[in-house]
């Protein structure tokens, strides 16, 4: 059984070796030019204007987190819908499980909505 995984192990070892050798080669053989111009921050050829640290509203991160949660819901929902007919003898049980899963997600969505996390004020 372990011999089935040997090609995967060989690929991982080769990939790790390639990365390791590439990093070492670029470190030892790459050019090293230190000067003021090279150490300046660079953004599309335009010099920086203002502060480089800009505060971002937490709403952006909250919306991203909510999006990821509901995106993962689709990751669980789509395979269930694809194989549902294959498990028809257990159809009622599987259907109830998915309804409970969707109910929990719906309650979570309503909670987030009522808390005002989706309002862009």
C-alpha atoms as a PDB file:
ATOM      1  CA  UNK A   1       0.000   0.000   0.000  1.00  0.00           C
ATOM      2  CA  UNK A   2       2.865   2.392   0.769  1.00  0.00           C
ATOM      3  CA  UNK A   3       4.269   1.870  -2.727  1.00  0.00           C
ATOM      4  CA  UNK A   4       1.181   3.666  -4.122  1.00  0.00           C
ATOM      5  CA  UNK A   5       2.285   6.851  -2.363  1.00  0.00           C
ATOM      6  CA  UNK A   6       5.941   6.627  -3.416  1.00  0.00           C
ATOM      7  CA  UNK A   7       5.510   8.726  -6.626  1.00  0.00           C
ATOM      8  CA  UNK A   8       3.798  11.497  -4.618  1.00  0.00           C
ATOM      9  CA  UNK A   9       6.643  11.466  -2.099  1.00  0.00           C
ATOM     10  CA  UNK A  10       9.187  11.663  -4.931  1.00  0.00           C
ATOM     11  CA  UNK A  11       7.377  14.675  -6.437  1.00  0.00           C
ATOM     12  CA  UNK A  12       7.337  16.441  -3.050  1.00  0.00           C
ATOM     13  CA  UNK A  13      11.041  15.774  -2.537  1.00  0.00           C
ATOM     14  CA  UNK A  14      11.884  17.022  -6.028  1.00  0.00           C
ATOM     15  CA  UNK A  15       9.755  20.162  -5.567  1.00  0.00           C
ATOM     16  CA  UNK A  16      11.344  20.902  -2.192  1.00  0.00           C
ATOM     17  CA  UNK A  17      14.811  20.289  -3.637  1.00  0.00           C
ATOM     18  CA  UNK A  18      14.145  22.615  -6.583  1.00  0.00           C
ATOM     19  CA  UNK A  19      12.942  25.411  -4.312  1.00  0.00           C
ATOM     20  CA  UNK A  20      15.838  24.933  -1.908  1.00  0.00           C
ATOM     21  CA  UNK A  21      18.459  24.918  -4.663  1.00  0.00           C
ATOM     22  CA  UNK A  22      16.856  27.943  -6.383  1.00  0.00           C
ATOM     23  CA  UNK A  23      16.890  29.952  -3.157  1.00  0.00           C
ATOM     24  CA  UNK A  24      20.480  29.052  -2.425  1.00  0.00           C
ATOM     25  CA  UNK A  25      21.596  29.841  -5.978  1.00  0.00           C
ATOM     26  CA  UNK A  26      19.875  33.231  -6.001  1.00  0.00           C
ATOM     27  CA  UNK A  27      21.390  34.074  -2.628  1.00  0.00           C
ATOM     28  CA  UNK A  28      24.950  33.146  -3.542  1.00  0.00           C
ATOM     29  CA  UNK A  29      25.055  34.083  -7.247  1.00  0.00           C
ATOM     30  CA  UNK A  30      22.553  36.953  -7.386  1.00  0.00           C
ATOM     31  CA  UNK A  31      23.677  40.566  -7.696  1.00  0.00           C
ATOM     32  CA  UNK A  32      24.028  42.591  -4.522  1.00  0.00           C
ATOM     33  CA  UNK A  33      23.725  46.300  -5.142  1.00  0.00           C
ATOM     34  CA  UNK A  34      23.027  48.444  -2.093  1.00  0.00           C
ATOM     35  CA  UNK A  35      22.262  52.115  -2.527  1.00  0.00           C
ATOM     36  CA  UNK A  36      19.669  54.679  -1.500  1.00  0.00           C
ATOM     37  CA  UNK A  37      17.600  54.342  -4.663  1.00  0.00           C
ATOM     38  CA  UNK A  38      17.356  50.548  -4.317  1.00  0.00           C
ATOM     39  CA  UNK A  39      16.227  50.819  -0.684  1.00  0.00           C
ATOM     40  CA  UNK A  40      13.395  53.269  -1.431  1.00  0.00           C
ATOM     41  CA  UNK A  41       9.813  51.947  -1.497  1.00  0.00           C
ATOM     42  CA  UNK A  42       8.488  51.539  -5.016  1.00  0.00           C
ATOM     43  CA  UNK A  43       4.873  51.609  -6.160  1.00  0.00           C
ATOM     44  CA  UNK A  44       4.262  51.607  -9.918  1.00  0.00           C
ATOM     45  CA  UNK A  45       7.036  54.111 -10.549  1.00  0.00           C
ATOM     46  CA  UNK A  46       5.393  56.802  -8.456  1.00  0.00           C
ATOM     47  CA  UNK A  47       6.965  58.210  -5.313  1.00  0.00           C
ATOM     48  CA  UNK A  48       4.972  57.787  -2.127  1.00  0.00           C
ATOM     49  CA  UNK A  49       2.602  60.552  -1.102  1.00  0.00           C
ATOM     50  CA  UNK A  50       1.348  60.666   2.453  1.00  0.00           C
ATOM     51  CA  UNK A  51       1.534  57.918   5.033  1.00  0.00           C
ATOM     52  CA  UNK A  52       2.164  54.351   4.045  1.00  0.00           C
ATOM     53  CA  UNK A  53       0.047  52.975   6.877  1.00  0.00           C
ATOM     54  CA  UNK A  54      -3.627  53.532   6.119  1.00  0.00           C
ATOM     55  CA  UNK A  55      -6.232  52.408   8.595  1.00  0.00           C
ATOM     56  CA  UNK A  56      -8.811  50.126   7.034  1.00  0.00           C
ATOM     57  CA  UNK A  57     -12.270  49.801   8.505  1.00  0.00           C
ATOM     58  CA  UNK A  58     -13.009  46.528  10.263  1.00  0.00           C
ATOM     59  CA  UNK A  59     -16.173  46.274   8.139  1.00  0.00           C
ATOM     60  CA  UNK A  60     -14.091  45.119   5.178  1.00  0.00           C
ATOM     61  CA  UNK A  61     -12.669  42.225   7.153  1.00  0.00           C
ATOM     62  CA  UNK A  62     -16.072  41.363   8.615  1.00  0.00           C
ATOM     63  CA  UNK A  63     -17.663  41.230   5.167  1.00  0.00           C
ATOM     64  CA  UNK A  64     -14.777  39.092   3.902  1.00  0.00           C
ATOM     65  CA  UNK A  65     -15.211  36.683   6.803  1.00  0.00           C
ATOM     66  CA  UNK A  66     -18.960  36.436   6.225  1.00  0.00           C
ATOM     67  CA  UNK A  67     -18.335  35.847   2.519  1.00  0.00           C
ATOM     68  CA  UNK A  68     -15.905  33.024   3.284  1.00  0.00           C
ATOM     69  CA  UNK A  69     -18.368  31.376   5.678  1.00  0.00           C
ATOM     70  CA  UNK A  70     -21.165  31.402   3.109  1.00  0.00           C
ATOM     71  CA  UNK A  71     -18.746  30.365   0.385  1.00  0.00           C
ATOM     72  CA  UNK A  72     -17.829  27.303   2.427  1.00  0.00           C
ATOM     73  CA  UNK A  73     -21.552  26.591   2.693  1.00  0.00           C
ATOM     74  CA  UNK A  74     -21.592  26.138  -1.081  1.00  0.00           C
ATOM     75  CA  UNK A  75     -18.582  23.846  -0.833  1.00  0.00           C
ATOM     76  CA  UNK A  76     -20.672  21.549   1.392  1.00  0.00           C
ATOM     77  CA  UNK A  77     -23.976  22.056  -0.429  1.00  0.00           C
ATOM     78  CA  UNK A  78     -22.860  21.366  -4.005  1.00  0.00           C
ATOM     79  CA  UNK A  79     -21.413  17.849  -3.475  1.00  0.00           C
ATOM     80  CA  UNK A  80     -24.468  16.949  -1.398  1.00  0.00           C
ATOM     81  CA  UNK A  81     -26.743  17.930  -4.281  1.00  0.00           C
ATOM     82  CA  UNK A  82     -24.649  15.963  -6.772  1.00  0.00           C
ATOM     83  CA  UNK A  83     -24.641  12.651  -4.874  1.00  0.00           C
ATOM     84  CA  UNK A  84     -28.099  12.917  -3.281  1.00  0.00           C
ATOM     85  CA  UNK A  85     -29.703  10.466  -5.753  1.00  0.00           C
ATOM     86  CA  UNK A  86     -26.988   7.862  -5.132  1.00  0.00           C
ATOM     87  CA  UNK A  87     -28.018   7.652  -1.472  1.00  0.00           C
ATOM     88  CA  UNK A  88     -31.808   7.538  -1.907  1.00  0.00           C
ATOM     89  CA  UNK A  89     -32.280   4.643   0.571  1.00  0.00           C
ATOM     90  CA  UNK A  90     -30.998   7.090   3.209  1.00  0.00           C
ATOM     91  CA  UNK A  91     -32.654  10.031   1.461  1.00  0.00           C
ATOM     92  CA  UNK A  92     -34.812  11.221   4.346  1.00  0.00           C
ATOM     93  CA  UNK A  93     -31.921  11.202   6.824  1.00  0.00           C
ATOM     94  CA  UNK A  94     -29.552  12.991   4.431  1.00  0.00           C
ATOM     95  CA  UNK A  95     -32.221  15.547   3.525  1.00  0.00           C
ATOM     96  CA  UNK A  96     -32.924  16.300   7.208  1.00  0.00           C
ATOM     97  CA  UNK A  97     -29.213  16.721   7.883  1.00  0.00           C
ATOM     98  CA  UNK A  98     -28.927  19.253   5.073  1.00  0.00           C
ATOM     99  CA  UNK A  99     -32.033  21.122   6.235  1.00  0.00           C
ATOM    100  CA  UNK A 100     -30.518  21.387   9.736  1.00  0.00           C
ATOM    101  CA  UNK A 101     -27.240  22.610   8.222  1.00  0.00           C
ATOM    102  CA  UNK A 102     -29.039  25.244   6.130  1.00  0.00           C
ATOM    103  CA  UNK A 103     -31.168  26.274   9.131  1.00  0.00           C
ATOM    104  CA  UNK A 104     -28.046  26.901  11.219  1.00  0.00           C
ATOM    105  CA  UNK A 105     -26.559  28.979   8.408  1.00  0.00           C
ATOM    106  CA  UNK A 106     -29.819  30.884   7.968  1.00  0.00           C
ATOM    107  CA  UNK A 107     -29.957  31.697  11.673  1.00  0.00           C
ATOM    108  CA  UNK A 108     -26.347  32.868  11.457  1.00  0.00           C
ATOM    109  CA  UNK A 109     -27.165  35.075   8.481  1.00  0.00           C
ATOM    110  CA  UNK A 110     -30.181  36.585  10.241  1.00  0.00           C
ATOM    111  CA  UNK A 111     -28.065  37.195  13.363  1.00  0.00           C
ATOM    112  CA  UNK A 112     -25.381  38.977  11.327  1.00  0.00           C
ATOM    113  CA  UNK A 113     -28.046  41.003   9.543  1.00  0.00           C
ATOM    114  CA  UNK A 114     -29.768  42.031  12.782  1.00  0.00           C
ATOM    115  CA  UNK A 115     -26.436  43.015  14.349  1.00  0.00           C
ATOM    116  CA  UNK A 116     -25.917  45.422  11.441  1.00  0.00           C
ATOM    117  CA  UNK A 117     -22.744  43.808  10.114  1.00  0.00           C
ATOM    118  CA  UNK A 118     -23.986  44.135   6.542  1.00  0.00           C
ATOM    119  CA  UNK A 119     -24.822  47.859   6.807  1.00  0.00           C
ATOM    120  CA  UNK A 120     -22.368  50.180   5.029  1.00  0.00           C
ATOM    121  CA  UNK A 121     -22.636  53.352   7.064  1.00  0.00           C
END
